[in-house]
């Protein structure tokens, strides 16, 4: 593991994440970030010349469907569930005095 992560970088990341890290936590974060960068370097060594770019790991295509309205103005049936109603609407207890 190369020492690419400086103490200043850890401090900066801690500030951005609004974290207060102890000395041990900073050192552990430094090692973890170094391992991540090492793994990225390892991935960069792979030959991806003939691999097509993708936006998703599964072969998902346009999944949009036509927007069809299925319910109509069913106010009467909806208001049957209301404990109280007034003028075609739900009546609720007053919350502001």
N, C-alpha and C. Protein backbone atom coordinates (compact mmCIF):
# COMPACT_ATOMS: atom_id res chain seq x y z
N UNK A 1 0.85 -1.18 0.00
CA UNK A 1 0.00 0.00 0.00
C UNK A 1 0.89 1.23 0.00
N UNK A 2 0.68 2.08 -0.96
CA UNK A 2 1.46 3.32 -1.00
C UNK A 2 0.81 4.36 -0.10
N UNK A 3 1.61 5.26 0.40
CA UNK A 3 1.11 6.27 1.34
C UNK A 3 0.64 7.49 0.56
N UNK A 4 -0.54 7.40 -0.05
CA UNK A 4 -1.06 8.49 -0.87
C UNK A 4 -2.03 9.38 -0.11
N UNK A 5 -2.53 8.92 1.01
CA UNK A 5 -3.51 9.67 1.77
C UNK A 5 -2.78 10.41 2.88
N UNK A 6 -2.88 11.72 2.85
CA UNK A 6 -2.20 12.53 3.86
C UNK A 6 -3.14 12.78 5.04
N UNK A 7 -2.56 13.24 6.14
CA UNK A 7 -3.37 13.59 7.32
C UNK A 7 -4.32 14.74 6.99
N UNK A 8 -3.86 15.66 6.12
CA UNK A 8 -4.70 16.80 5.74
C UNK A 8 -5.93 16.32 4.96
N UNK A 9 -5.73 15.30 4.14
CA UNK A 9 -6.85 14.76 3.38
C UNK A 9 -7.88 14.14 4.32
N UNK A 10 -7.40 13.40 5.30
CA UNK A 10 -8.32 12.79 6.28
C UNK A 10 -9.05 13.89 7.05
N UNK A 11 -8.36 14.93 7.45
CA UNK A 11 -8.99 16.05 8.16
C UNK A 11 -10.08 16.67 7.28
N UNK A 12 -9.74 16.90 6.01
CA UNK A 12 -10.68 17.52 5.08
C UNK A 12 -11.92 16.66 4.88
N UNK A 13 -11.73 15.36 4.69
CA UNK A 13 -12.86 14.44 4.52
C UNK A 13 -13.71 14.43 5.80
N UNK A 14 -13.06 14.47 6.95
CA UNK A 14 -13.79 14.52 8.22
C UNK A 14 -14.64 15.77 8.32
N UNK A 15 -14.10 16.89 7.88
CA UNK A 15 -14.86 18.14 7.90
C UNK A 15 -16.04 18.06 6.95
N UNK A 16 -15.80 17.56 5.74
CA UNK A 16 -16.89 17.44 4.77
C UNK A 16 -18.00 16.52 5.27
N UNK A 17 -17.62 15.45 5.94
CA UNK A 17 -18.60 14.48 6.44
C UNK A 17 -19.15 14.88 7.81
N UNK A 18 -18.65 16.00 8.35
CA UNK A 18 -19.06 16.48 9.67
C UNK A 18 -18.84 15.40 10.73
N UNK A 19 -17.63 14.84 10.70
CA UNK A 19 -17.25 13.80 11.65
C UNK A 19 -16.12 14.31 12.54
N UNK A 20 -16.17 13.94 13.79
CA UNK A 20 -15.06 14.18 14.69
C UNK A 20 -14.38 12.84 14.92
N UNK A 21 -13.20 12.69 14.35
CA UNK A 21 -12.50 11.42 14.42
C UNK A 21 -11.36 11.49 15.42
N UNK A 22 -11.20 10.43 16.18
CA UNK A 22 -10.06 10.33 17.09
C UNK A 22 -8.82 10.00 16.27
N UNK A 23 -7.66 10.02 16.89
CA UNK A 23 -6.43 9.69 16.20
C UNK A 23 -6.44 8.29 15.62
N UNK A 24 -6.98 7.34 16.39
CA UNK A 24 -7.06 5.95 15.92
C UNK A 24 -8.01 5.83 14.73
N UNK A 25 -9.14 6.54 14.81
CA UNK A 25 -10.11 6.50 13.71
C UNK A 25 -9.54 7.13 12.45
N UNK A 26 -8.76 8.20 12.62
CA UNK A 26 -8.14 8.84 11.47
C UNK A 26 -7.15 7.90 10.80
N UNK A 27 -6.37 7.21 11.61
CA UNK A 27 -5.38 6.27 11.06
C UNK A 27 -6.08 5.11 10.35
N UNK A 28 -7.17 4.61 10.95
CA UNK A 28 -7.93 3.51 10.33
C UNK A 28 -8.55 3.98 9.01
N UNK A 29 -9.09 5.21 9.00
CA UNK A 29 -9.69 5.75 7.77
C UNK A 29 -8.62 5.93 6.70
N UNK A 30 -7.44 6.36 7.12
CA UNK A 30 -6.33 6.55 6.19
C UNK A 30 -5.95 5.22 5.53
N UNK A 31 -5.88 4.16 6.34
CA UNK A 31 -5.55 2.84 5.80
C UNK A 31 -6.65 2.32 4.88
N UNK A 32 -7.91 2.52 5.30
CA UNK A 32 -9.03 2.06 4.47
C UNK A 32 -9.06 2.79 3.13
N UNK A 33 -8.84 4.10 3.14
CA UNK A 33 -8.85 4.85 1.89
C UNK A 33 -7.68 4.43 1.00
N UNK A 34 -6.54 4.13 1.61
CA UNK A 34 -5.40 3.64 0.85
C UNK A 34 -5.71 2.31 0.19
N UNK A 35 -6.41 1.42 0.92
CA UNK A 35 -6.79 0.12 0.35
C UNK A 35 -7.75 0.30 -0.82
N UNK A 36 -8.66 1.27 -0.68
CA UNK A 36 -9.60 1.53 -1.77
C UNK A 36 -8.85 2.00 -3.02
N UNK A 37 -7.91 2.91 -2.83
CA UNK A 37 -7.14 3.41 -3.97
C UNK A 37 -6.29 2.31 -4.60
N UNK A 38 -5.74 1.43 -3.76
CA UNK A 38 -4.98 0.31 -4.29
C UNK A 38 -5.87 -0.61 -5.12
N UNK A 39 -7.09 -0.83 -4.66
CA UNK A 39 -8.02 -1.69 -5.40
C UNK A 39 -8.39 -1.03 -6.73
N UNK A 40 -8.59 0.28 -6.72
CA UNK A 40 -8.90 0.99 -7.96
C UNK A 40 -7.73 0.87 -8.93
N UNK A 41 -6.51 0.98 -8.43
CA UNK A 41 -5.33 0.79 -9.29
C UNK A 41 -5.32 -0.61 -9.88
N UNK A 42 -5.70 -1.59 -9.08
CA UNK A 42 -5.74 -2.98 -9.55
C UNK A 42 -6.79 -3.12 -10.65
N UNK A 43 -7.94 -2.47 -10.49
CA UNK A 43 -8.98 -2.52 -11.51
C UNK A 43 -8.54 -1.82 -12.78
N UNK A 44 -7.78 -0.74 -12.64
CA UNK A 44 -7.30 0.00 -13.81
C UNK A 44 -6.33 -0.82 -14.65
N UNK A 45 -5.76 -1.86 -14.10
CA UNK A 45 -4.84 -2.71 -14.84
C UNK A 45 -5.57 -3.68 -15.78
N UNK A 46 -6.88 -3.85 -15.58
CA UNK A 46 -7.64 -4.79 -16.40
C UNK A 46 -7.78 -4.27 -17.83
N UNK A 47 -7.78 -5.21 -18.77
CA UNK A 47 -7.96 -4.86 -20.17
C UNK A 47 -9.46 -4.77 -20.46
N UNK A 48 -9.95 -3.57 -20.70
CA UNK A 48 -11.37 -3.35 -20.98
C UNK A 48 -11.57 -2.84 -22.40
N UNK A 49 -10.63 -3.13 -23.27
CA UNK A 49 -10.66 -2.61 -24.65
C UNK A 49 -11.92 -3.02 -25.39
N UNK A 50 -12.32 -4.29 -25.29
CA UNK A 50 -13.46 -4.79 -26.06
C UNK A 50 -14.75 -4.85 -25.23
N UNK A 51 -14.79 -4.18 -24.10
CA UNK A 51 -15.97 -4.19 -23.24
C UNK A 51 -16.77 -2.92 -23.51
N UNK A 52 -18.04 -3.11 -23.86
CA UNK A 52 -18.89 -1.96 -24.14
C UNK A 52 -19.29 -1.27 -22.84
N UNK A 53 -19.35 0.06 -22.85
CA UNK A 53 -19.82 0.77 -21.65
C UNK A 53 -21.28 0.44 -21.36
N UNK A 54 -21.63 0.44 -20.09
CA UNK A 54 -23.02 0.17 -19.73
C UNK A 54 -23.44 1.11 -18.61
N UNK A 55 -24.72 1.34 -18.54
CA UNK A 55 -25.23 2.20 -17.48
C UNK A 55 -25.82 1.38 -16.34
N UNK A 56 -26.01 0.09 -16.58
CA UNK A 56 -26.60 -0.77 -15.56
C UNK A 56 -26.04 -2.17 -15.75
N UNK A 57 -25.88 -2.90 -14.66
CA UNK A 57 -25.30 -4.24 -14.77
C UNK A 57 -26.27 -5.25 -15.38
N UNK A 58 -27.56 -4.96 -15.33
CA UNK A 58 -28.55 -5.85 -15.92
C UNK A 58 -29.00 -5.27 -17.25
N UNK A 59 -29.40 -6.10 -18.19
CA UNK A 59 -29.83 -5.58 -19.50
C UNK A 59 -31.22 -4.96 -19.45
N UNK A 60 -31.31 -3.81 -18.83
CA UNK A 60 -32.60 -3.12 -18.72
C UNK A 60 -32.69 -2.08 -19.83
N UNK A 61 -33.79 -2.10 -20.53
CA UNK A 61 -34.04 -1.13 -21.58
C UNK A 61 -35.16 -0.21 -21.11
N UNK A 62 -35.63 0.62 -21.97
CA UNK A 62 -36.67 1.56 -21.60
C UNK A 62 -37.85 0.82 -20.98
N UNK A 63 -38.11 1.08 -19.72
CA UNK A 63 -39.17 0.38 -19.01
C UNK A 63 -40.40 1.27 -18.80
N UNK A 64 -40.43 2.39 -19.50
CA UNK A 64 -41.58 3.27 -19.36
C UNK A 64 -42.80 2.62 -20.00
N UNK A 65 -43.95 2.91 -19.46
CA UNK A 65 -45.19 2.42 -20.04
C UNK A 65 -46.11 3.61 -20.28
N UNK A 66 -47.11 3.37 -21.05
CA UNK A 66 -48.07 4.42 -21.33
C UNK A 66 -48.82 4.77 -20.05
N UNK A 67 -48.98 6.04 -19.78
CA UNK A 67 -49.69 6.49 -18.59
C UNK A 67 -51.18 6.48 -18.88
N UNK A 68 -51.88 5.55 -18.25
CA UNK A 68 -53.31 5.40 -18.48
C UNK A 68 -54.04 5.65 -17.17
N UNK A 69 -55.01 6.53 -17.19
CA UNK A 69 -55.81 6.82 -16.00
C UNK A 69 -56.79 5.67 -15.81
N UNK A 70 -56.75 5.07 -14.63
CA UNK A 70 -57.62 3.92 -14.38
C UNK A 70 -58.73 4.23 -13.38
N UNK A 71 -58.56 5.26 -12.59
CA UNK A 71 -59.61 5.59 -11.63
C UNK A 71 -60.26 6.91 -12.06
N UNK A 72 -61.50 7.01 -11.79
CA UNK A 72 -62.26 8.22 -12.13
C UNK A 72 -62.59 8.95 -10.83
N UNK A 73 -63.43 9.95 -10.93
CA UNK A 73 -63.86 10.68 -9.74
C UNK A 73 -64.75 9.75 -8.91
N UNK A 74 -64.14 9.15 -7.89
CA UNK A 74 -64.84 8.17 -7.07
C UNK A 74 -65.04 8.72 -5.66
N UNK A 75 -65.37 10.00 -5.60
CA UNK A 75 -65.49 10.70 -4.33
C UNK A 75 -66.46 10.02 -3.36
N UNK A 76 -67.57 9.56 -3.86
CA UNK A 76 -68.58 8.96 -2.99
C UNK A 76 -68.03 7.73 -2.26
N UNK A 77 -67.36 6.84 -2.99
CA UNK A 77 -66.81 5.64 -2.37
C UNK A 77 -65.66 5.97 -1.43
N UNK A 78 -64.85 6.96 -1.78
CA UNK A 78 -63.74 7.34 -0.92
C UNK A 78 -64.27 7.94 0.38
N UNK A 79 -65.26 8.77 0.30
CA UNK A 79 -65.81 9.40 1.50
C UNK A 79 -66.56 8.42 2.40
N UNK A 80 -66.90 7.25 1.89
CA UNK A 80 -67.53 6.23 2.73
C UNK A 80 -66.57 5.78 3.84
N UNK A 81 -65.26 5.92 3.62
CA UNK A 81 -64.26 5.54 4.61
C UNK A 81 -64.00 6.63 5.64
N UNK A 82 -64.52 7.81 5.42
CA UNK A 82 -64.25 8.93 6.32
C UNK A 82 -65.08 8.82 7.59
N UNK A 83 -64.45 9.02 8.76
CA UNK A 83 -65.23 9.00 9.99
C UNK A 83 -66.24 10.15 10.01
N UNK A 84 -65.81 11.30 9.46
CA UNK A 84 -66.71 12.46 9.34
C UNK A 84 -66.45 13.13 8.01
N UNK A 85 -67.53 13.68 7.42
CA UNK A 85 -67.37 14.40 6.17
C UNK A 85 -68.26 15.64 6.17
N UNK A 86 -67.84 16.61 5.37
CA UNK A 86 -68.61 17.85 5.29
C UNK A 86 -68.40 18.42 3.89
N UNK A 87 -69.45 18.72 3.20
CA UNK A 87 -69.43 19.33 1.88
C UNK A 87 -68.57 18.55 0.89
N UNK A 88 -68.65 17.23 0.93
CA UNK A 88 -67.92 16.41 -0.02
C UNK A 88 -66.44 16.28 0.25
N UNK A 89 -66.00 16.51 1.51
CA UNK A 89 -64.59 16.41 1.86
C UNK A 89 -64.46 15.76 3.23
N UNK A 90 -63.24 15.31 3.56
CA UNK A 90 -62.97 14.76 4.88
C UNK A 90 -63.03 15.89 5.89
N UNK A 91 -63.66 15.65 7.03
CA UNK A 91 -63.69 16.64 8.09
C UNK A 91 -62.71 16.14 9.16
N UNK A 92 -61.76 17.02 9.52
CA UNK A 92 -60.74 16.67 10.49
C UNK A 92 -60.79 17.65 11.64
N UNK A 93 -60.23 17.26 12.80
CA UNK A 93 -60.23 18.18 13.94
C UNK A 93 -59.39 19.41 13.62
N UNK A 94 -59.77 20.52 14.19
CA UNK A 94 -59.03 21.76 14.01
C UNK A 94 -57.66 21.63 14.69
N UNK A 95 -56.62 22.06 14.01
CA UNK A 95 -55.27 21.95 14.57
C UNK A 95 -54.68 23.31 14.89
N UNK A 96 -55.24 24.40 14.38
CA UNK A 96 -54.73 25.74 14.64
C UNK A 96 -55.82 26.54 15.33
N UNK A 97 -55.41 27.21 16.37
CA UNK A 97 -56.42 28.02 17.10
C UNK A 97 -56.40 29.44 16.63
